[in-house]
Amino acid sequence: MSNYTELDIYKLAYNLAIEIHQMTLKLPNYELYEQGSQIRRSSKRVKDTIAEGYGRKKYKADFIKYLVYAQASCDETISHLNMISDIHFKEKPLIELINEYDVLGKKINKFIQYVEKNWK
């Protein structure tokens, strides 16, 4: 890999952040700067901490630390998704997005394990 954009977890996190951004534009105006802002920031933070960690890949411990931060932001995003789904999307819950973030979290976890065992 020559750069972070080649990582599957980065690509998935990037695409999901775009989906989250678009979904929040459908929220009521009062939520755009409340729950909408929170979830936009947490979803974008997943991809950003993966990128920052990759930039520190020379230092295995730093790389892992930033991947753990990405995992935490992924969990935070799921928490926001559940709340937004329960409040604003009762008719059509955001199950698909929640499941996609769950998959992303598992992939980040697998990548952390890979880095722990195989990174020089």
PDB file of N, CA and C in Angstrom:
ATOM      1  N   MET A   1       0.835  -1.185   0.000  1.00  0.00           N
ATOM      2  CA  MET A   1       0.000   0.000   0.000  1.00  0.00           C
ATOM      3  C   MET A   1       0.877   1.245   0.000  1.00  0.00           C
ATOM      4  N   SER A   2       0.586   2.103  -0.926  1.00  0.00           N
ATOM      5  CA  SER A   2       1.392   3.317  -0.992  1.00  0.00           C
ATOM      6  C   SER A   2       0.724   4.491  -0.282  1.00  0.00           C
ATOM      7  N   ASN A   3      -0.589   4.367  -0.012  1.00  0.00           N
ATOM      8  CA  ASN A   3      -1.225   5.416   0.777  1.00  0.00           C
ATOM      9  C   ASN A   3      -2.556   4.946   1.368  1.00  0.00           C
ATOM     10  N   TYR A   4      -3.041   5.708   2.323  1.00  0.00           N
ATOM     11  CA  TYR A   4      -4.211   5.310   3.101  1.00  0.00           C
ATOM     12  C   TYR A   4      -5.466   5.126   2.251  1.00  0.00           C
ATOM     13  N   THR A   5      -5.555   5.794   1.122  1.00  0.00           N
ATOM     14  CA  THR A   5      -6.768   5.680   0.300  1.00  0.00           C
ATOM     15  C   THR A   5      -6.924   4.293  -0.310  1.00  0.00           C
ATOM     16  N   GLU A   6      -5.891   3.491  -0.238  1.00  0.00           N
ATOM     17  CA  GLU A   6      -5.966   2.116  -0.742  1.00  0.00           C
ATOM     18  C   GLU A   6      -6.513   1.140   0.303  1.00  0.00           C
ATOM     19  N   LEU A   7      -6.626   1.583   1.538  1.00  0.00           N
ATOM     20  CA  LEU A   7      -7.154   0.717   2.596  1.00  0.00           C
ATOM     21  C   LEU A   7      -8.663   0.538   2.424  1.00  0.00           C
ATOM     22  N   ASP A   8      -9.123  -0.705   2.483  1.00  0.00           N
ATOM     23  CA  ASP A   8     -10.558  -0.969   2.374  1.00  0.00           C
ATOM     24  C   ASP A   8     -11.341  -0.253   3.470  1.00  0.00           C
ATOM     25  N   ILE A   9     -10.785  -0.222   4.684  1.00  0.00           N
ATOM     26  CA  ILE A   9     -11.510   0.427   5.784  1.00  0.00           C
ATOM     27  C   ILE A   9     -11.636   1.933   5.540  1.00  0.00           C
ATOM     28  N   TYR A  10     -10.640   2.520   4.920  1.00  0.00           N
ATOM     29  CA  TYR A  10     -10.732   3.951   4.607  1.00  0.00           C
ATOM     30  C   TYR A  10     -11.799   4.194   3.546  1.00  0.00           C
ATOM     31  N   LYS A  11     -11.781   3.396   2.484  1.00  0.00           N
ATOM     32  CA  LYS A  11     -12.761   3.558   1.409  1.00  0.00           C
ATOM     33  C   LYS A  11     -14.192   3.429   1.943  1.00  0.00           C
ATOM     34  N   LEU A  12     -14.406   2.406   2.781  1.00  0.00           N
ATOM     35  CA  LEU A  12     -15.734   2.190   3.348  1.00  0.00           C
ATOM     36  C   LEU A  12     -16.129   3.348   4.264  1.00  0.00           C
ATOM     37  N   ALA A  13     -15.205   3.774   5.126  1.00  0.00           N
ATOM     38  CA  ALA A  13     -15.491   4.884   6.033  1.00  0.00           C
ATOM     39  C   ALA A  13     -15.798   6.165   5.266  1.00  0.00           C
ATOM     40  N   TYR A  14     -15.070   6.408   4.204  1.00  0.00           N
ATOM     41  CA  TYR A  14     -15.278   7.601   3.378  1.00  0.00           C
ATOM     42  C   TYR A  14     -16.678   7.580   2.754  1.00  0.00           C
ATOM     43  N   ASN A  15     -17.028   6.462   2.138  1.00  0.00           N
ATOM     44  CA  ASN A  15     -18.337   6.353   1.486  1.00  0.00           C
ATOM     45  C   ASN A  15     -19.482   6.451   2.488  1.00  0.00           C
ATOM     46  N   LEU A  16     -19.300   5.843   3.655  1.00  0.00           N
ATOM     47  CA  LEU A  16     -20.343   5.922   4.679  1.00  0.00           C
ATOM     48  C   LEU A  16     -20.483   7.347   5.214  1.00  0.00           C
ATOM     49  N   ALA A  17     -19.381   8.066   5.343  1.00  0.00           N
ATOM     50  CA  ALA A  17     -19.449   9.462   5.804  1.00  0.00           C
ATOM     51  C   ALA A  17     -20.252  10.309   4.824  1.00  0.00           C
ATOM     52  N   ILE A  18     -20.103  10.032   3.549  1.00  0.00           N
ATOM     53  CA  ILE A  18     -20.898  10.751   2.544  1.00  0.00           C
ATOM     54  C   ILE A  18     -22.380  10.410   2.708  1.00  0.00           C
ATOM     55  N   GLU A  19     -22.688   9.131   2.919  1.00  0.00           N
ATOM     56  CA  GLU A  19     -24.088   8.725   3.129  1.00  0.00           C
ATOM     57  C   GLU A  19     -24.677   9.402   4.359  1.00  0.00           C
ATOM     58  N   ILE A  20     -23.888   9.451   5.433  1.00  0.00           N
ATOM     59  CA  ILE A  20     -24.354  10.099   6.663  1.00  0.00           C
ATOM     60  C   ILE A  20     -24.625  11.576   6.399  1.00  0.00           C
ATOM     61  N   HIS A  21     -23.702  12.228   5.718  1.00  0.00           N
ATOM     62  CA  HIS A  21     -23.872  13.654   5.424  1.00  0.00           C
ATOM     63  C   HIS A  21     -25.176  13.880   4.667  1.00  0.00           C
ATOM     64  N   GLN A  22     -25.412  13.073   3.646  1.00  0.00           N
ATOM     65  CA  GLN A  22     -26.630  13.222   2.845  1.00  0.00           C
ATOM     66  C   GLN A  22     -27.882  12.921   3.667  1.00  0.00           C
ATOM     67  N   MET A  23     -27.805  11.918   4.533  1.00  0.00           N
ATOM     68  CA  MET A  23     -28.951  11.565   5.365  1.00  0.00           C
ATOM     69  C   MET A  23     -29.294  12.717   6.309  1.00  0.00           C
ATOM     70  N   THR A  24     -28.292  13.369   6.867  1.00  0.00           N
ATOM     71  CA  THR A  24     -28.570  14.437   7.834  1.00  0.00           C
ATOM     72  C   THR A  24     -29.236  15.648   7.194  1.00  0.00           C
ATOM     73  N   LEU A  25     -29.065  15.809   5.901  1.00  0.00           N
ATOM     74  CA  LEU A  25     -29.712  16.931   5.219  1.00  0.00           C
ATOM     75  C   LEU A  25     -31.227  16.747   5.154  1.00  0.00           C
ATOM     76  N   LYS A  26     -31.696  15.532   5.450  1.00  0.00           N
ATOM     77  CA  LYS A  26     -33.137  15.248   5.462  1.00  0.00           C
ATOM     78  C   LYS A  26     -33.744  15.452   6.846  1.00  0.00           C
ATOM     79  N   LEU A  27     -32.901  15.760   7.830  1.00  0.00           N
ATOM     80  CA  LEU A  27     -33.394  15.975   9.190  1.00  0.00           C
ATOM     81  C   LEU A  27     -34.093  17.327   9.289  1.00  0.00           C
ATOM     82  N   PRO A  28     -34.960  17.487  10.286  1.00  0.00           N
ATOM     83  CA  PRO A  28     -35.583  18.804  10.488  1.00  0.00           C
ATOM     84  C   PRO A  28     -34.496  19.861  10.753  1.00  0.00           C
ATOM     85  N   ASN A  29     -34.792  21.103  10.396  1.00  0.00           N
ATOM     86  CA  ASN A  29     -33.808  22.184  10.536  1.00  0.00           C
ATOM     87  C   ASN A  29     -33.203  22.260  11.929  1.00  0.00           C
ATOM     88  N   TYR A  30     -34.008  22.090  12.963  1.00  0.00           N
ATOM     89  CA  TYR A  30     -33.475  22.200  14.319  1.00  0.00           C
ATOM     90  C   TYR A  30     -32.466  21.101  14.643  1.00  0.00           C
ATOM     91  N   GLU A  31     -32.511  19.993  13.919  1.00  0.00           N
ATOM     92  CA  GLU A  31     -31.564  18.903  14.165  1.00  0.00           C
ATOM     93  C   GLU A  31     -30.281  19.029  13.349  1.00  0.00           C
ATOM     94  N   LEU A  32     -30.275  19.869  12.327  1.00  0.00           N
ATOM     95  CA  LEU A  32     -29.068  20.002  11.503  1.00  0.00           C
ATOM     96  C   LEU A  32     -27.858  20.383  12.337  1.00  0.00           C
ATOM     97  N   TYR A  33     -28.067  21.191  13.377  1.00  0.00           N
ATOM     98  CA  TYR A  33     -26.941  21.648  14.185  1.00  0.00           C
ATOM     99  C   TYR A  33     -26.886  20.958  15.539  1.00  0.00           C
ATOM    100  N   GLU A  34     -27.771  20.047  15.781  1.00  0.00           N
ATOM    101  CA  GLU A  34     -27.757  19.264  17.006  1.00  0.00           C
ATOM    102  C   GLU A  34     -27.229  17.868  16.673  1.00  0.00           C
ATOM    103  N   GLN A  35     -28.123  16.920  16.598  1.00  0.00           N
ATOM    104  CA  GLN A  35     -27.753  15.535  16.301  1.00  0.00           C
ATOM    105  C   GLN A  35     -27.091  15.409  14.937  1.00  0.00           C
ATOM    106  N   GLY A  36     -27.546  16.176  13.958  1.00  0.00           N
ATOM    107  CA  GLY A  36     -26.969  16.115  12.616  1.00  0.00           C
ATOM    108  C   GLY A  36     -25.496  16.482  12.604  1.00  0.00           C
ATOM    109  N   SER A  37     -25.163  17.539  13.300  1.00  0.00           N
ATOM    110  CA  SER A  37     -23.761  17.975  13.372  1.00  0.00           C
ATOM    111  C   SER A  37     -22.895  16.938  14.080  1.00  0.00           C
ATOM    112  N   GLN A  38     -23.420  16.391  15.160  1.00  0.00           N
ATOM    113  CA  GLN A  38     -22.668  15.393  15.927  1.00  0.00           C
ATOM    114  C   GLN A  38     -22.332  14.166  15.074  1.00  0.00           C
ATOM    115  N   ILE A  39     -23.327  13.655  14.364  1.00  0.00           N
ATOM    116  CA  ILE A  39     -23.086  12.436  13.585  1.00  0.00           C
ATOM    117  C   ILE A  39     -22.220  12.721  12.361  1.00  0.00           C
ATOM    118  N   ARG A  40     -22.359  13.905  11.776  1.00  0.00           N
ATOM    119  CA  ARG A  40     -21.464  14.235  10.653  1.00  0.00           C
ATOM    120  C   ARG A  40     -20.017  14.250  11.121  1.00  0.00           C
ATOM    121  N   ARG A  41     -19.771  14.843  12.291  1.00  0.00           N
ATOM    122  CA  ARG A  41     -18.397  14.908  12.792  1.00  0.00           C
ATOM    123  C   ARG A  41     -17.860  13.526  13.174  1.00  0.00           C
ATOM    124  N   SER A  42     -18.667  12.715  13.836  1.00  0.00           N
ATOM    125  CA  SER A  42     -18.158  11.393  14.239  1.00  0.00           C
ATOM    126  C   SER A  42     -17.918  10.497  13.031  1.00  0.00           C
ATOM    127  N   SER A  43     -18.798  10.567  12.025  1.00  0.00           N
ATOM    128  CA  SER A  43     -18.617   9.716  10.842  1.00  0.00           C
ATOM    129  C   SER A  43     -17.384  10.131  10.040  1.00  0.00           C
ATOM    130  N   LYS A  44     -17.158  11.426   9.938  1.00  0.00           N
ATOM    131  CA  LYS A  44     -15.974  11.903   9.209  1.00  0.00           C
ATOM    132  C   LYS A  44     -14.694  11.643   9.997  1.00  0.00           C
ATOM    133  N   ARG A  45     -14.802  11.640  11.322  1.00  0.00           N
ATOM    134  CA  ARG A  45     -13.643  11.364  12.166  1.00  0.00           C
ATOM    135  C   ARG A  45     -13.134   9.935  11.970  1.00  0.00           C
ATOM    136  N   VAL A  46     -14.010   8.989  11.640  1.00  0.00           N
ATOM    137  CA  VAL A  46     -13.574   7.606  11.395  1.00  0.00           C
ATOM    138  C   VAL A  46     -12.543   7.597  10.270  1.00  0.00           C
ATOM    139  N   LYS A  47     -12.899   8.167   9.132  1.00  0.00           N
ATOM    140  CA  LYS A  47     -11.976   8.176   7.990  1.00  0.00           C
ATOM    141  C   LYS A  47     -10.738   9.015   8.278  1.00  0.00           C
ATOM    142  N   ASP A  48     -10.923  10.115   8.994  1.00  0.00           N
ATOM    143  CA  ASP A  48      -9.794  11.007   9.259  1.00  0.00           C
ATOM    144  C   ASP A  48      -8.756  10.381  10.195  1.00  0.00           C
ATOM    145  N   THR A  49      -9.218   9.642  11.190  1.00  0.00           N
ATOM    146  CA  THR A  49      -8.241   9.027  12.100  1.00  0.00           C
ATOM    147  C   THR A  49      -7.563   7.824  11.451  1.00  0.00           C
ATOM    148  N   ILE A  50      -8.240   7.162  10.535  1.00  0.00           N
ATOM    149  CA  ILE A  50      -7.566   6.105   9.764  1.00  0.00           C
ATOM    150  C   ILE A  50      -6.444   6.733   8.940  1.00  0.00           C
ATOM    151  N   ALA A  51      -6.743   7.851   8.284  1.00  0.00           N
ATOM    152  CA  ALA A  51      -5.730   8.537   7.470  1.00  0.00           C
ATOM    153  C   ALA A  51      -4.576   9.028   8.339  1.00  0.00           C
ATOM    154  N   GLU A  52      -4.893   9.628   9.481  1.00  0.00           N
ATOM    155  CA  GLU A  52      -3.830  10.137  10.350  1.00  0.00           C
ATOM    156  C   GLU A  52      -2.983   8.993  10.905  1.00  0.00           C
ATOM    157  N   GLY A  53      -3.627   7.913  11.288  1.00  0.00           N
ATOM    158  CA  GLY A  53      -2.878   6.757  11.778  1.00  0.00           C
ATOM    159  C   GLY A  53      -1.956   6.196  10.718  1.00  0.00           C
ATOM    160  N   TYR A  54      -2.443   6.129   9.493  1.00  0.00           N
ATOM    161  CA  TYR A  54      -1.613   5.624   8.407  1.00  0.00           C
ATOM    162  C   TYR A  54      -0.388   6.514   8.213  1.00  0.00           C
ATOM    163  N   GLY A  55      -0.574   7.805   8.405  1.00  0.00           N
ATOM    164  CA  GLY A  55       0.552   8.725   8.303  1.00  0.00           C
ATOM    165  C   GLY A  55       1.605   8.482   9.376  1.00  0.00           C
ATOM    166  N   ARG A  56       1.222   7.799  10.437  1.00  0.00           N
ATOM    167  CA  ARG A  56       2.146   7.475  11.528  1.00  0.00           C
ATOM    168  C   ARG A  56       2.522   5.989  11.516  1.00  0.00           C
ATOM    169  N   LYS A  57       2.312   5.333  10.388  1.00  0.00           N
ATOM    170  CA  LYS A  57       2.489   3.882  10.305  1.00  0.00           C
ATOM    171  C   LYS A  57       3.891   3.414  10.628  1.00  0.00           C
ATOM    172  N   LYS A  58       4.843   4.308  10.520  1.00  0.00           N
ATOM    173  CA  LYS A  58       6.227   3.962  10.872  1.00  0.00           C
ATOM    174  C   LYS A  58       6.315   3.580  12.349  1.00  0.00           C
ATOM    175  N   TYR A  59       5.426   4.136  13.139  1.00  0.00           N
ATOM    176  CA  TYR A  59       5.390   3.868  14.578  1.00  0.00           C
ATOM    177  C   TYR A  59       4.167   3.010  14.877  1.00  0.00           C
ATOM    178  N   LYS A  60       4.384   1.719  14.980  1.00  0.00           N
ATOM    179  CA  LYS A  60       3.302   0.745  15.123  1.00  0.00           C
ATOM    180  C   LYS A  60       2.319   1.123  16.227  1.00  0.00           C
ATOM    181  N   ALA A  61       2.820   1.515  17.383  1.00  0.00           N
ATOM    182  CA  ALA A  61       1.934   1.847  18.508  1.00  0.00           C
ATOM    183  C   ALA A  61       1.040   3.040  18.179  1.00  0.00           C
ATOM    184  N   ASP A  62       1.592   4.041  17.498  1.00  0.00           N
ATOM    185  CA  ASP A  62       0.776   5.194  17.101  1.00  0.00           C
ATOM    186  C   ASP A  62      -0.278   4.784  16.080  1.00  0.00           C
ATOM    187  N   PHE A  63       0.115   3.959  15.127  1.00  0.00           N
ATOM    188  CA  PHE A  63      -0.819   3.486  14.111  1.00  0.00           C
ATOM    189  C   PHE A  63      -1.995   2.786  14.779  1.00  0.00           C
ATOM    190  N   ILE A  64      -1.693   1.882  15.702  1.00  0.00           N
ATOM    191  CA  ILE A  64      -2.744   1.146  16.403  1.00  0.00           C
ATOM    192  C   ILE A  64      -3.619   2.100  17.214  1.00  0.00           C
ATOM    193  N   LYS A  65      -2.996   3.057  17.891  1.00  0.00           N
ATOM    194  CA  LYS A  65      -3.747   4.012  18.702  1.00  0.00           C
ATOM    195  C   LYS A  65      -4.779   4.752  17.849  1.00  0.00           C
ATOM    196  N   TYR A  66      -4.376   5.203  16.676  1.00  0.00           N
ATOM    197  CA  TYR A  66      -5.302   5.935  15.824  1.00  0.00           C
ATOM    198  C   TYR A  66      -6.379   5.020  15.233  1.00  0.00           C
ATOM    199  N   LEU A  67      -6.042   3.782  14.984  1.00  0.00           N
ATOM    200  CA  LEU A  67      -7.065   2.832  14.530  1.00  0.00           C
ATOM    201  C   LEU A  67      -8.090   2.583  15.637  1.00  0.00           C
ATOM    202  N   VAL A  68      -7.632   2.552  16.875  1.00  0.00           N
ATOM    203  CA  VAL A  68      -8.558   2.406  18.006  1.00  0.00           C
ATOM    204  C   VAL A  68      -9.455   3.643  18.103  1.00  0.00           C
ATOM    205  N   TYR A  69      -8.897   4.823  17.870  1.00  0.00           N
ATOM    206  CA  TYR A  69      -9.716   6.037  17.841  1.00  0.00           C
ATOM    207  C   TYR A  69     -10.776   5.942  16.741  1.00  0.00           C
ATOM    208  N   ALA A  70     -10.389   5.418  15.586  1.00  0.00           N
ATOM    209  CA  ALA A  70     -11.343   5.250  14.486  1.00  0.00           C
ATOM    210  C   ALA A  70     -12.457   4.298  14.898  1.00  0.00           C
ATOM    211  N   GLN A  71     -12.091   3.229  15.592  1.00  0.00           N
ATOM    212  CA  GLN A  71     -13.086   2.266  16.086  1.00  0.00           C
ATOM    213  C   GLN A  71     -14.054   2.947  17.053  1.00  0.00           C
ATOM    214  N   ALA A  72     -13.520   3.777  17.935  1.00  0.00           N
ATOM    215  CA  ALA A  72     -14.365   4.483  18.903  1.00  0.00           C
ATOM    216  C   ALA A  72     -15.315   5.452  18.189  1.00  0.00           C
ATOM    217  N   SER A  73     -14.828   6.145  17.177  1.00  0.00           N
ATOM    218  CA  SER A  73     -15.689   7.058  16.425  1.00  0.00           C
ATOM    219  C   SER A  73     -16.758   6.293  15.651  1.00  0.00           C
ATOM    220  N   CYS A  74     -16.417   5.109  15.203  1.00  0.00           N
ATOM    221  CA  CYS A  74     -17.394   4.249  14.527  1.00  0.00           C
ATOM    222  C   CYS A  74     -18.513   3.870  15.514  1.00  0.00           C
ATOM    223  N   ASP A  75     -18.125   3.489  16.725  1.00  0.00           N
ATOM    224  CA  ASP A  75     -19.121   3.165  17.759  1.00  0.00           C
ATOM    225  C   ASP A  75     -19.989   4.378  18.093  1.00  0.00           C
ATOM    226  N   GLU A  76     -19.350   5.550  18.183  1.00  0.00           N
ATOM    227  CA  GLU A  76     -20.102   6.776  18.453  1.00  0.00           C
ATOM    228  C   GLU A  76     -21.118   7.032  17.340  1.00  0.00           C
ATOM    229  N   THR A  77     -20.709   6.817  16.103  1.00  0.00           N
ATOM    230  CA  THR A  77     -21.604   7.029  14.971  1.00  0.00           C
ATOM    231  C   THR A  77     -22.796   6.086  15.044  1.00  0.00           C
ATOM    232  N   ILE A  78     -22.559   4.844  15.422  1.00  0.00           N
ATOM    233  CA  ILE A  78     -23.669   3.888  15.575  1.00  0.00           C
ATOM    234  C   ILE A  78     -24.637   4.370  16.648  1.00  0.00           C
ATOM    235  N   SER A  79     -24.112   4.888  17.735  1.00  0.00           N
ATOM    236  CA  SER A  79     -24.960   5.413  18.810  1.00  0.00           C
ATOM    237  C   SER A  79     -25.834   6.566  18.296  1.00  0.00           C
ATOM    238  N   HIS A  80     -25.231   7.482  17.560  1.00  0.00           N
ATOM    239  CA  HIS A  80     -26.002   8.592  16.975  1.00  0.00           C
ATOM    240  C   HIS A  80     -27.041   8.067  15.979  1.00  0.00           C
ATOM    241  N   LEU A  81     -26.647   7.096  15.156  1.00  0.00           N
ATOM    242  CA  LEU A  81     -27.591   6.534  14.183  1.00  0.00           C
ATOM    243  C   LEU A  81     -28.806   5.927  14.865  1.00  0.00           C
ATOM    244  N   ASN A  82     -28.576   5.207  15.948  1.00  0.00           N
ATOM    245  CA  ASN A  82     -29.698   4.611  16.676  1.00  0.00           C
ATOM    246  C   ASN A  82     -30.653   5.682  17.187  1.00  0.00           C
ATOM    247  N   MET A  83     -30.101   6.746  17.749  1.00  0.00           N
ATOM    248  CA  MET A  83     -30.930   7.824  18.285  1.00  0.00           C
ATOM    249  C   MET A  83     -31.704   8.521  17.168  1.00  0.00           C
ATOM    250  N   ILE A  84     -31.025   8.877  16.092  1.00  0.00           N
ATOM    251  CA  ILE A  84     -31.683   9.546  14.970  1.00  0.00           C
ATOM    252  C   ILE A  84     -32.753   8.644  14.360  1.00  0.00           C
ATOM    253  N   SER A  85     -32.445   7.375  14.226  1.00  0.00           N
ATOM    254  CA  SER A  85     -33.406   6.427  13.663  1.00  0.00           C
ATOM    255  C   SER A  85     -34.660   6.347  14.529  1.00  0.00           C
ATOM    256  N   ASP A  86     -34.472   6.240  15.837  1.00  0.00           N
ATOM    257  CA  ASP A  86     -35.615   6.125  16.749  1.00  0.00           C
ATOM    258  C   ASP A  86     -36.459   7.398  16.804  1.00  0.00           C
ATOM    259  N   ILE A  87     -35.830   8.549  16.636  1.00  0.00           N
ATOM    260  CA  ILE A  87     -36.568   9.810  16.736  1.00  0.00           C
ATOM    261  C   ILE A  87     -37.170  10.238  15.396  1.00  0.00           C
ATOM    262  N   HIS A  88     -36.396  10.139  14.332  1.00  0.00           N
ATOM    263  CA  HIS A  88     -36.810  10.754  13.067  1.00  0.00           C
ATOM    264  C   HIS A  88     -37.151   9.780  11.936  1.00  0.00           C
ATOM    265  N   PHE A  89     -36.826   8.520  12.084  1.00  0.00           N
ATOM    266  CA  PHE A  89     -37.057   7.575  10.986  1.00  0.00           C
ATOM    267  C   PHE A  89     -37.810   6.332  11.470  1.00  0.00           C
ATOM    268  N   LYS A  90     -38.831   6.559  12.280  1.00  0.00           N
ATOM    269  CA  LYS A  90     -39.608   5.441  12.835  1.00  0.00           C
ATOM    270  C   LYS A  90     -40.277   4.620  11.742  1.00  0.00           C
ATOM    271  N   GLU A  91     -40.734   5.287  10.701  1.00  0.00           N
ATOM    272  CA  GLU A  91     -41.410   4.594   9.598  1.00  0.00           C
ATOM    273  C   GLU A  91     -40.444   3.757   8.775  1.00  0.00           C
ATOM    274  N   LYS A  92     -39.229   4.253   8.623  1.00  0.00           N
ATOM    275  CA  LYS A  92     -38.216   3.544   7.836  1.00  0.00           C
ATOM    276  C   LYS A  92     -36.876   3.668   8.580  1.00  0.00           C
ATOM    277  N   PRO A  93     -36.671   2.800   9.586  1.00  0.00           N
ATOM    278  CA  PRO A  93     -35.460   2.892  10.403  1.00  0.00           C
ATOM    279  C   PRO A  93     -34.176   2.802   9.573  1.00  0.00           C
ATOM    280  N   LEU A  94     -33.125   3.324  10.124  1.00  0.00           N
ATOM    281  CA  LEU A  94     -31.829   3.379   9.435  1.00  0.00           C
ATOM    282  C   LEU A  94     -31.016   2.094   9.650  1.00  0.00           C
ATOM    283  N   ILE A  95     -31.690   0.968   9.591  1.00  0.00           N
ATOM    284  CA  ILE A  95     -31.071  -0.333   9.858  1.00  0.00           C
ATOM    285  C   ILE A  95     -29.889  -0.596   8.931  1.00  0.00           C
ATOM    286  N   GLU A  96     -30.037  -0.275   7.663  1.00  0.00           N
ATOM    287  CA  GLU A  96     -28.964  -0.559   6.703  1.00  0.00           C
ATOM    288  C   GLU A  96     -27.687   0.215   7.050  1.00  0.00           C
ATOM    289  N   LEU A  97     -27.823   1.489   7.360  1.00  0.00           N
ATOM    290  CA  LEU A  97     -26.652   2.286   7.740  1.00  0.00           C
ATOM    291  C   LEU A  97     -26.030   1.776   9.038  1.00  0.00           C
ATOM    292  N   ILE A  98     -26.868   1.440   9.981  1.00  0.00           N
ATOM    293  CA  ILE A  98     -26.367   0.903  11.261  1.00  0.00           C
ATOM    294  C   ILE A  98     -25.588  -0.381  11.007  1.00  0.00           C
ATOM    295  N   ASN A  99     -26.138  -1.266  10.176  1.00  0.00           N
ATOM    296  CA  ASN A  99     -25.452  -2.526   9.864  1.00  0.00           C
ATOM    297  C   ASN A  99     -24.137  -2.287   9.129  1.00  0.00           C
ATOM    298  N   GLU A 100     -24.123  -1.300   8.230  1.00  0.00           N
ATOM    299  CA  GLU A 100     -22.891  -1.000   7.497  1.00  0.00           C
ATOM    300  C   GLU A 100     -21.808  -0.487   8.442  1.00  0.00           C
ATOM    301  N   TYR A 101     -22.192   0.329   9.418  1.00  0.00           N
ATOM    302  CA  TYR A 101     -21.210   0.796  10.402  1.00  0.00           C
ATOM    303  C   TYR A 101     -20.754  -0.337  11.313  1.00  0.00           C
ATOM    304  N   ASP A 102     -21.650  -1.273  11.593  1.00  0.00           N
ATOM    305  CA  ASP A 102     -21.253  -2.443  12.380  1.00  0.00           C
ATOM    306  C   ASP A 102     -20.203  -3.258  11.620  1.00  0.00           C
ATOM    307  N   VAL A 103     -20.414  -3.439  10.331  1.00  0.00           N
ATOM    308  CA  VAL A 103     -19.431  -4.136   9.489  1.00  0.00           C
ATOM    309  C   VAL A 103     -18.112  -3.370   9.467  1.00  0.00           C
ATOM    310  N   LEU A 104     -18.185  -2.047   9.307  1.00  0.00           N
ATOM    311  CA  LEU A 104     -16.965  -1.242   9.317  1.00  0.00           C
ATOM    312  C   LEU A 104     -16.212  -1.416  10.627  1.00  0.00           C
ATOM    313  N   GLY A 105     -16.912  -1.389  11.739  1.00  0.00           N
ATOM    314  CA  GLY A 105     -16.268  -1.578  13.040  1.00  0.00           C
ATOM    315  C   GLY A 105     -15.550  -2.914  13.127  1.00  0.00           C
ATOM    316  N   LYS A 106     -16.183  -3.958  12.613  1.00  0.00           N
ATOM    317  CA  LYS A 106     -15.549  -5.281  12.614  1.00  0.00           C
ATOM    318  C   LYS A 106     -14.314  -5.297  11.721  1.00  0.00           C
ATOM    319  N   LYS A 107     -14.386  -4.623  10.587  1.00  0.00           N
ATOM    320  CA  LYS A 107     -13.224  -4.574   9.681  1.00  0.00           C
ATOM    321  C   LYS A 107     -12.072  -3.782  10.300  1.00  0.00           C
ATOM    322  N   ILE A 108     -12.398  -2.699  10.980  1.00  0.00           N
ATOM    323  CA  ILE A 108     -11.343  -1.931  11.668  1.00  0.00           C
ATOM    324  C   ILE A 108     -10.705  -2.804  12.732  1.00  0.00           C
ATOM    325  N   ASN A 109     -11.514  -3.533  13.480  1.00  0.00           N
ATOM    326  CA  ASN A 109     -10.991  -4.424  14.515  1.00  0.00           C
ATOM    327  C   ASN A 109     -10.064  -5.487  13.919  1.00  0.00           C
ATOM    328  N   LYS A 110     -10.472  -6.071  12.812  1.00  0.00           N
ATOM    329  CA  LYS A 110      -9.620  -7.066  12.131  1.00  0.00           C
ATOM    330  C   LYS A 110      -8.310  -6.439  11.671  1.00  0.00           C
ATOM    331  N   PHE A 111      -8.391  -5.206  11.163  1.00  0.00           N
ATOM    332  CA  PHE A 111      -7.184  -4.536  10.702  1.00  0.00           C
ATOM    333  C   PHE A 111      -6.261  -4.219  11.875  1.00  0.00           C
ATOM    334  N   ILE A 112      -6.829  -3.835  13.012  1.00  0.00           N
ATOM    335  CA  ILE A 112      -6.016  -3.614  14.220  1.00  0.00           C
ATOM    336  C   ILE A 112      -5.277  -4.898  14.577  1.00  0.00           C
ATOM    337  N   GLN A 113      -5.974  -6.022  14.555  1.00  0.00           N
ATOM    338  CA  GLN A 113      -5.348  -7.307  14.858  1.00  0.00           C
ATOM    339  C   GLN A 113      -4.235  -7.618  13.854  1.00  0.00           C
ATOM    340  N   TYR A 114      -4.475  -7.323  12.586  1.00  0.00           N
ATOM    341  CA  TYR A 114      -3.462  -7.547  11.560  1.00  0.00           C
ATOM    342  C   TYR A 114      -2.213  -6.699  11.843  1.00  0.00           C
ATOM    343  N   VAL A 115      -2.426  -5.435  12.135  1.00  0.00           N
ATOM    344  CA  VAL A 115      -1.294  -4.532  12.409  1.00  0.00           C
ATOM    345  C   VAL A 115      -0.537  -5.008  13.648  1.00  0.00           C
ATOM    346  N   GLU A 116      -1.258  -5.416  14.680  1.00  0.00           N
ATOM    347  CA  GLU A 116      -0.606  -5.886  15.909  1.00  0.00           C
ATOM    348  C   GLU A 116       0.305  -7.086  15.643  1.00  0.00           C
ATOM    349  N   LYS A 117      -0.145  -7.990  14.792  1.00  0.00           N
ATOM    350  CA  LYS A 117       0.608  -9.233  14.547  1.00  0.00           C
ATOM    351  C   LYS A 117       1.647  -9.105  13.450  1.00  0.00           C
ATOM    352  N   ASN A 118       1.389  -8.310  12.437  1.00  0.00           N
ATOM    353  CA  ASN A 118       2.215  -8.346  11.225  1.00  0.00           C
ATOM    354  C   ASN A 118       2.992  -7.083  10.900  1.00  0.00           C
ATOM    355  N   TRP A 119       2.707  -5.991  11.580  1.00  0.00           N
ATOM    356  CA  TRP A 119       3.379  -4.729  11.226  1.00  0.00           C
ATOM    357  C   TRP A 119       4.781  -4.728  11.777  1.00  0.00           C
ATOM    358  N   LYS A 120       5.709  -4.204  11.009  1.00  0.00           N
ATOM    359  CA  LYS A 120       7.108  -4.172  11.447  1.00  0.00           C
ATOM    360  C   LYS A 120       7.375  -2.979  12.314  1.00  0.00           C
TER     361      LYS A 120
END
